[in-house]
Amino acid sequence: MKKISLILFFVAAIGELVSILTGLDQLHFICKPMIMVTLGVYYLSSAGENRSIVVLLAIVFSLAGDVALMFDSINVNYFMVGLICFLISHVFYIVAYRQHQSEEEANALQGIQKLRAAFPIVLAGTGLVVILYPTLGALKFPVIIYALVLVLMVINGLFRLGRTNSKSFAFVFVGALFFMVSDSLLAINKFLNPLPSSGLLIMSTYIVAQLLIIEGLGAHWRKG
């Protein structure tokens, strides 16, 4: 089931990217939800006794966010629903990061090291909000809250350094960064200026983000 679900994940991901390139709505409505469904099955089949309900909830709310954003063009309320779902998903990922790390602090970032390491992430998140702020209209407050939680999600991935194996840290942190890139592209495209090939860029970075995070969390329990 582990290999089959991973293969189906890649089939769904490729199908979604093809639907963006070709404009095939039927393929889009099938493949986009299946990305997180198959990733969830992959997680269940690969995590074994170390599976976490928190990780599953992050996957479920990501799936709900994906579905809501599929109808964003119909009604702006769907965008709000999607925003809330992904915000909740990020909160669950933050909790999951803390579950998937050791309590040992000897090799972890300390004090000023944390501040220095987190500063570029905070700067990037703050800079994007400042740029988008005049164009957000009634969504100013929700977007700011979302950006704050997103930045915290990435920082918590960073702060796992020295508290897990190198593969788990790298996969989760790079995945979190890809998530931030994907969300930033979505926000720029929606609120500032339409981007060339925006759909392809947003979904490809999102797919990579989710896969790396889930694979990285699973790697915490394995050696290496």
Protein backbone atom coordinates (compact mmCIF):
# COMPACT_ATOMS: atom_id res chain seq x y z
CA MET A 1 0.00 0.00 0.00
CA LYS A 2 2.91 2.36 0.74
CA LYS A 3 4.35 2.16 -2.78
CA ILE A 4 0.94 2.13 -4.45
CA SER A 5 -0.24 5.23 -2.56
CA LEU A 6 2.99 7.07 -3.39
CA ILE A 7 2.62 6.19 -7.08
CA LEU A 8 -1.00 7.38 -7.00
CA PHE A 9 0.15 10.60 -5.33
CA PHE A 10 2.52 11.30 -8.22
CA VAL A 11 -0.18 10.38 -10.75
CA ALA A 12 -2.60 12.83 -9.08
CA ALA A 13 0.09 15.53 -8.89
CA ILE A 14 1.05 15.15 -12.54
CA GLY A 15 -2.61 15.04 -13.52
CA GLU A 16 -3.27 18.29 -11.68
CA LEU A 17 -0.32 20.02 -13.36
CA VAL A 18 -1.49 18.73 -16.75
CA SER A 19 -4.99 20.07 -16.05
CA ILE A 20 -3.50 23.50 -15.36
CA LEU A 21 -1.53 23.44 -18.61
CA THR A 22 -4.43 22.16 -20.71
CA GLY A 23 -7.41 23.72 -18.95
CA LEU A 24 -9.13 20.36 -18.49
CA ASP A 25 -11.56 21.09 -15.65
CA GLN A 26 -12.68 17.47 -15.30
CA LEU A 27 -9.10 16.36 -14.70
CA HIS A 28 -8.60 19.23 -12.24
CA PHE A 29 -11.65 18.30 -10.16
CA ILE A 30 -10.47 14.70 -9.94
CA CYS A 31 -6.74 15.15 -9.42
CA LYS A 32 -6.48 18.12 -7.06
CA PRO A 33 -8.38 16.53 -4.14
CA MET A 34 -6.61 13.23 -4.76
CA ILE A 35 -3.21 14.80 -4.06
CA MET A 36 -3.80 15.04 -0.31
CA VAL A 37 -5.99 11.91 -0.19
CA THR A 38 -3.20 9.77 -1.62
CA LEU A 39 -0.58 11.53 0.52
CA GLY A 40 -2.71 10.79 3.58
CA VAL A 41 -2.89 7.10 2.65
CA TYR A 42 0.87 7.12 2.06
CA TYR A 43 1.42 8.61 5.51
CA LEU A 44 -0.84 6.05 7.18
CA SER A 45 0.86 3.15 5.43
CA SER A 46 4.43 4.39 5.99
CA ALA A 47 4.30 5.82 9.52
CA GLY A 48 3.20 2.57 11.17
CA GLU A 49 2.99 2.76 14.95
CA ASN A 50 4.48 6.27 14.89
CA ARG A 51 1.54 7.77 13.00
CA SER A 52 0.17 10.93 14.58
CA ILE A 53 -3.42 12.16 14.62
CA VAL A 54 -2.03 15.71 14.47
CA VAL A 55 -0.29 15.02 11.14
CA LEU A 56 -3.49 13.42 9.82
CA LEU A 57 -5.47 16.51 10.83
CA ALA A 58 -2.96 18.73 9.01
CA ILE A 59 -3.50 16.60 5.91
CA VAL A 60 -7.30 16.66 6.27
CA PHE A 61 -7.44 20.45 6.63
CA SER A 62 -5.05 20.85 3.69
CA LEU A 63 -7.43 18.71 1.65
CA ALA A 64 -10.36 20.86 2.78
CA GLY A 65 -8.41 23.99 1.82
CA ASP A 66 -7.63 22.55 -1.60
CA VAL A 67 -11.29 21.79 -2.25
CA ALA A 68 -12.43 25.23 -1.06
CA LEU A 69 -9.95 27.03 -3.30
CA MET A 70 -11.21 25.06 -6.29
CA PHE A 71 -14.35 27.21 -6.08
CA ASP A 72 -12.57 30.50 -5.32
CA SER A 73 -13.54 31.97 -8.70
CA ILE A 74 -17.23 31.34 -7.99
CA ASN A 75 -17.46 33.08 -4.62
CA VAL A 76 -14.90 34.98 -2.53
CA ASN A 77 -16.22 33.20 0.56
CA TYR A 78 -14.57 30.02 -0.69
CA PHE A 79 -11.23 31.80 -0.53
CA MET A 80 -11.89 32.65 3.13
CA VAL A 81 -12.82 29.04 3.86
CA GLY A 82 -9.63 27.89 2.16
CA LEU A 83 -7.58 30.44 4.09
CA ILE A 84 -9.03 29.24 7.41
CA CYS A 85 -8.48 25.57 6.52
CA PHE A 86 -4.83 26.10 5.63
CA LEU A 87 -4.31 28.26 8.72
CA ILE A 88 -5.58 25.37 10.86
CA SER A 89 -3.40 22.98 8.87
CA HIS A 90 -0.32 25.10 9.61
CA VAL A 91 -1.18 25.08 13.33
CA PHE A 92 -1.36 21.28 13.26
CA TYR A 93 1.97 21.15 11.42
CA ILE A 94 3.53 23.33 14.11
CA VAL A 95 2.32 20.89 16.76
CA ALA A 96 3.53 17.95 14.64
CA TYR A 97 7.00 19.48 14.32
CA ARG A 98 7.23 19.63 18.09
CA GLN A 99 6.07 16.04 18.40
CA HIS A 100 8.68 14.90 15.90
CA GLN A 101 11.78 16.16 17.68
CA SER A 102 13.83 15.18 20.72
CA GLU A 103 13.95 17.09 23.98
CA GLU A 104 17.75 17.18 23.81
CA GLU A 105 18.95 20.78 23.41
CA ALA A 106 22.72 20.29 23.28
CA ASN A 107 22.88 20.49 19.48
CA ALA A 108 19.87 22.76 19.01
CA LEU A 109 19.89 26.45 18.14
CA GLN A 110 20.24 28.61 21.22
CA GLY A 111 19.27 32.18 22.12
CA ILE A 112 20.78 34.63 19.65
CA GLN A 113 21.31 31.80 17.14
CA LYS A 114 17.54 31.36 16.94
CA LEU A 115 17.03 35.07 16.37
CA ARG A 116 19.64 35.24 13.63
CA ALA A 117 18.36 32.12 11.87
CA ALA A 118 14.71 33.19 12.05
CA PHE A 119 15.29 36.80 10.98
CA PRO A 120 15.32 36.20 7.17
CA ILE A 121 12.06 34.24 7.42
CA VAL A 122 10.37 36.94 9.50
CA LEU A 123 11.72 39.60 7.13
CA ALA A 124 10.36 37.79 4.06
CA GLY A 125 6.93 37.30 5.62
CA THR A 126 6.73 40.87 6.90
CA GLY A 127 7.93 42.30 3.61
CA LEU A 128 5.27 40.46 1.65
CA VAL A 129 2.51 41.67 3.97
CA VAL A 130 3.75 45.26 3.70
CA ILE A 131 3.73 45.05 -0.10
CA LEU A 132 0.28 43.46 -0.26
CA TYR A 133 -1.35 45.50 2.53
CA PRO A 134 -2.77 48.34 0.37
CA THR A 135 -4.49 45.82 -1.93
CA LEU A 136 -6.01 43.49 0.68
CA GLY A 137 -9.20 45.45 1.34
CA ALA A 138 -11.53 43.65 3.77
CA LEU A 139 -9.10 40.71 3.96
CA LYS A 140 -6.34 42.70 5.69
CA PHE A 141 -6.80 41.13 9.12
CA PRO A 142 -7.29 37.50 7.98
CA VAL A 143 -4.29 37.65 5.65
CA ILE A 144 -2.04 39.16 8.35
CA ILE A 145 -3.05 36.45 10.81
CA TYR A 146 -2.47 33.79 8.17
CA ALA A 147 0.95 35.22 7.32
CA LEU A 148 1.91 35.20 11.01
CA VAL A 149 0.96 31.53 11.42
CA LEU A 150 2.72 30.62 8.16
CA VAL A 151 5.94 32.28 9.35
CA LEU A 152 5.66 30.50 12.69
CA MET A 153 5.22 27.19 10.86
CA VAL A 154 8.45 27.74 8.92
CA ILE A 155 10.34 28.91 12.01
CA ASN A 156 9.24 25.87 13.99
CA GLY A 157 10.56 23.73 11.15
CA LEU A 158 13.87 25.60 11.40
CA PHE A 159 14.06 25.16 15.17
CA ARG A 160 14.10 21.36 14.77
CA LEU A 161 17.75 21.71 13.76
CA GLY A 162 19.83 19.55 16.09
CA ARG A 163 16.74 17.88 17.53
CA THR A 164 16.22 15.29 14.81
CA ASN A 165 18.26 13.51 12.16
CA SER A 166 19.58 15.47 9.20
CA LYS A 167 17.13 14.01 6.67
CA SER A 168 14.08 14.76 8.78
CA PHE A 169 15.23 18.31 9.47
CA ALA A 170 16.13 19.07 5.85
CA PHE A 171 12.96 17.62 4.36
CA VAL A 172 10.61 19.35 6.80
CA PHE A 173 12.38 22.71 6.69
CA VAL A 174 12.73 22.80 2.91
CA GLY A 175 9.12 21.66 2.62
CA ALA A 176 8.02 24.48 4.92
CA LEU A 177 9.96 26.96 2.79
CA PHE A 178 8.28 25.63 -0.35
CA PHE A 179 4.92 26.06 1.39
CA MET A 180 5.80 29.68 2.12
CA VAL A 181 6.85 30.23 -1.50
CA SER A 182 3.63 28.65 -2.78
CA ASP A 183 1.43 30.77 -0.51
CA SER A 184 3.41 33.91 -1.36
CA LEU A 185 2.96 33.29 -5.09
CA LEU A 186 -0.76 32.72 -4.56
CA ALA A 187 -1.08 35.98 -2.59
CA ILE A 188 0.91 38.02 -5.12
CA ASN A 189 -1.09 36.58 -8.00
CA LYS A 190 -4.43 37.22 -6.29
CA PHE A 191 -3.87 40.60 -4.65
CA LEU A 192 -1.03 42.31 -6.51
CA ASN A 193 -0.26 41.30 -10.09
CA PRO A 194 -1.17 38.21 -12.13
CA LEU A 195 1.95 36.09 -12.56
CA PRO A 196 2.88 34.18 -15.72
CA SER A 197 2.20 30.45 -15.26
CA SER A 198 0.94 31.23 -11.76
CA GLY A 199 -1.18 28.11 -11.41
CA LEU A 200 1.68 25.84 -12.39
CA LEU A 201 4.13 27.55 -10.04
CA ILE A 202 1.73 27.64 -7.09
CA MET A 203 0.69 23.99 -7.38
CA SER A 204 4.14 22.57 -8.13
CA THR A 205 5.69 24.28 -5.09
CA TYR A 206 2.70 23.25 -2.97
CA ILE A 207 2.97 19.59 -4.04
CA VAL A 208 6.69 19.51 -3.27
CA ALA A 209 6.04 21.19 0.10
CA GLN A 210 3.47 18.69 1.28
CA LEU A 211 5.45 15.65 0.16
CA LEU A 212 8.69 16.85 1.77
CA ILE A 213 6.98 17.69 5.07
CA ILE A 214 5.21 14.35 5.34
CA GLU A 215 8.30 12.40 4.28
CA GLY A 216 10.46 14.44 6.66
CA LEU A 217 8.20 13.83 9.64
CA GLY A 218 8.28 10.12 8.95
CA ALA A 219 12.07 10.20 8.69
CA HIS A 220 12.30 11.44 12.30
CA TRP A 221 11.68 7.90 13.51
CA ARG A 222 14.23 6.35 11.16
CA LYS A 223 18.02 6.40 11.43
CA GLY A 224 20.09 8.67 9.16
